[in-house]
Amino acid sequence: MDAKQVGSLQFMIDFSLPLYEQILNQIRSSVAKGEIGLGEKLPSVREMAHSLKVNPNTVMRAYQELERDGLTEKRRGQGTFITHDKDKVAEFRDDLAKEYILNFINSMENLGFSLTDIQSYLKIIVREGHPHDRNNH
């Protein structure tokens, strides 16, 4: 893993995984967590590519996917900006949460756990408190 700072964005790049997906997922995650504000300008394709030491086409592909998601908008001559539409970001966040939960459930089912088992484990974890919660209080 290689840590790179591009403007206000922090990237962890693993050169053994598809680069455009890493860029895409890290920007999506930053938007979902509110680390990138509504209407905030993203670094130019060239700036991002230069800072991450990747091909500009890799960054362009990630930016195009973000635009298809509705998370960004291109402004001619000005660059790429995070959408101002907070409802779109909230919808994306909800979709992402559902995706993560379904992946978790599928992983647990692949280990042989039933939905009842999974619910029981979740209740225990919530009752005992998540380790991150204990560190924050």
Protein backbone atom coordinates (compact mmCIF):
# COMPACT_ATOMS: atom_id res chain seq x y z
CA MET A 1 0.00 0.00 0.00
CA ASP A 2 1.17 3.43 -0.90
CA ALA A 3 -0.33 6.52 0.79
CA LYS A 4 -0.76 9.57 -1.43
CA GLN A 5 -2.16 13.01 -0.67
CA VAL A 6 -3.93 14.83 -3.52
CA GLY A 7 -5.22 18.21 -2.41
CA SER A 8 -7.47 17.50 0.58
CA LEU A 9 -7.91 13.84 -0.40
CA GLN A 10 -5.90 10.97 1.07
CA PHE A 11 -5.51 7.83 -1.06
CA MET A 12 -4.20 4.40 -0.15
CA ILE A 13 -3.07 2.77 -3.40
CA ASP A 14 -2.44 -0.96 -3.73
CA PHE A 15 -0.79 -1.53 -7.08
CA SER A 16 -1.90 -5.19 -7.09
CA LEU A 17 -5.58 -4.14 -7.46
CA PRO A 18 -7.31 -2.25 -10.32
CA LEU A 19 -6.33 1.40 -9.86
CA TYR A 20 -9.45 3.02 -11.29
CA GLU A 21 -11.63 1.01 -8.87
CA GLN A 22 -9.50 2.09 -5.91
CA ILE A 23 -9.70 5.76 -6.92
CA LEU A 24 -13.44 5.43 -7.56
CA ASN A 25 -14.18 3.63 -4.29
CA GLN A 26 -12.04 5.95 -2.18
CA ILE A 27 -13.74 9.05 -3.60
CA ARG A 28 -17.17 7.42 -3.18
CA SER A 29 -16.30 6.60 0.43
CA SER A 30 -15.06 10.15 1.10
CA VAL A 31 -18.30 11.59 -0.31
CA ALA A 32 -20.43 9.15 1.72
CA LYS A 33 -18.55 10.03 4.94
CA GLY A 34 -18.80 13.76 4.24
CA GLU A 35 -15.03 14.17 3.96
CA ILE A 36 -15.59 15.85 0.60
CA GLY A 37 -18.23 18.56 0.82
CA LEU A 38 -21.15 19.16 -1.50
CA GLY A 39 -20.04 21.31 -4.42
CA GLU A 40 -16.33 20.79 -3.66
CA LYS A 41 -14.00 20.77 -6.65
CA LEU A 42 -12.04 17.59 -7.27
CA PRO A 43 -8.43 17.81 -8.42
CA SER A 44 -8.07 17.89 -12.20
CA VAL A 45 -7.55 14.59 -13.99
CA ARG A 46 -3.94 15.56 -14.72
CA GLU A 47 -3.24 16.68 -11.16
CA MET A 48 -4.74 13.50 -9.71
CA ALA A 49 -2.88 11.28 -12.20
CA HIS A 50 0.42 13.07 -11.57
CA SER A 51 0.07 12.91 -7.77
CA LEU A 52 -0.95 9.24 -7.77
CA LYS A 53 1.57 8.37 -10.49
CA VAL A 54 -1.07 6.70 -12.66
CA ASN A 55 -2.19 7.13 -16.26
CA PRO A 56 -4.66 10.04 -16.75
CA ASN A 57 -7.04 7.59 -18.48
CA THR A 58 -7.28 5.68 -15.19
CA VAL A 59 -8.42 8.82 -13.34
CA MET A 60 -10.73 9.81 -16.23
CA ARG A 61 -12.44 6.41 -16.02
CA ALA A 62 -13.04 6.84 -12.27
CA TYR A 63 -14.36 10.39 -12.79
CA GLN A 64 -16.73 9.19 -15.54
CA GLU A 65 -18.09 6.51 -13.23
CA LEU A 66 -18.63 9.09 -10.46
CA GLU A 67 -20.55 11.23 -12.93
CA ARG A 68 -22.71 8.23 -13.93
CA ASP A 69 -23.38 7.67 -10.19
CA GLY A 70 -24.65 11.25 -10.03
CA LEU A 71 -22.05 12.09 -7.38
CA THR A 72 -20.14 14.56 -9.57
CA GLU A 73 -20.84 17.05 -12.32
CA LYS A 74 -18.49 18.39 -14.94
CA ARG A 75 -18.44 22.13 -15.55
CA ARG A 76 -16.95 23.08 -18.86
CA GLY A 77 -13.67 24.90 -18.36
CA GLN A 78 -13.90 24.66 -14.56
CA GLY A 79 -13.45 20.99 -13.73
CA THR A 80 -15.26 18.24 -11.87
CA PHE A 81 -17.28 19.02 -8.75
CA ILE A 82 -19.10 16.95 -6.15
CA THR A 83 -22.85 17.33 -6.65
CA HIS A 84 -24.79 19.92 -4.63
CA ASP A 85 -27.67 17.43 -4.37
CA LYS A 86 -27.63 16.23 -0.75
CA ASP A 87 -30.53 13.86 -1.49
CA LYS A 88 -28.44 12.14 -4.17
CA VAL A 89 -25.56 11.72 -1.71
CA ALA A 90 -27.96 10.42 0.98
CA GLU A 91 -29.44 7.93 -1.50
CA PHE A 92 -25.93 6.82 -2.49
CA ARG A 93 -25.00 6.41 1.19
CA ASP A 94 -28.11 4.28 1.80
CA ASP A 95 -27.34 2.12 -1.26
CA LEU A 96 -23.76 1.68 -0.07
CA ALA A 97 -24.92 0.66 3.42
CA LYS A 98 -27.29 -1.92 1.91
CA GLU A 99 -24.51 -3.27 -0.30
CA TYR A 100 -22.14 -3.66 2.66
CA ILE A 101 -24.82 -5.34 4.76
CA LEU A 102 -25.73 -7.77 1.97
CA ASN A 103 -22.03 -8.61 1.47
CA PHE A 104 -21.72 -9.24 5.23
CA ILE A 105 -24.82 -11.48 5.27
CA ASN A 106 -23.58 -13.42 2.22
CA SER A 107 -20.16 -13.92 3.84
CA MET A 108 -21.76 -15.17 7.06
CA GLU A 109 -24.12 -17.49 5.15
CA ASN A 110 -21.12 -18.86 3.24
CA LEU A 111 -19.66 -19.77 6.64
CA GLY A 112 -22.84 -21.71 7.40
CA PHE A 113 -24.63 -19.19 9.63
CA SER A 114 -28.38 -18.69 9.37
CA LEU A 115 -30.05 -15.26 9.48
CA THR A 116 -31.11 -16.07 13.05
CA ASP A 117 -27.46 -16.81 13.96
CA ILE A 118 -26.35 -13.56 12.34
CA GLN A 119 -28.99 -11.57 14.22
CA SER A 120 -27.89 -13.19 17.49
CA TYR A 121 -24.25 -12.25 16.87
CA LEU A 122 -25.23 -8.69 15.97
CA LYS A 123 -27.28 -8.34 19.18
CA ILE A 124 -24.30 -9.54 21.22
CA ILE A 125 -21.93 -7.11 19.51
CA VAL A 126 -24.36 -4.20 19.97
CA ARG A 127 -24.96 -5.11 23.62
CA GLU A 128 -21.22 -5.43 24.36
CA GLY A 129 -20.38 -2.37 22.33
CA HIS A 130 -18.21 -2.12 19.25
CA PRO A 131 -14.46 -1.78 20.05
CA HIS A 132 -14.37 1.51 18.11
CA ASP A 133 -17.23 2.86 20.23
CA ARG A 134 -15.35 2.09 23.46
CA ASN A 135 -12.33 4.04 22.21
CA ASN A 136 -14.43 7.08 21.33
CA HIS A 137 -16.22 7.43 24.68
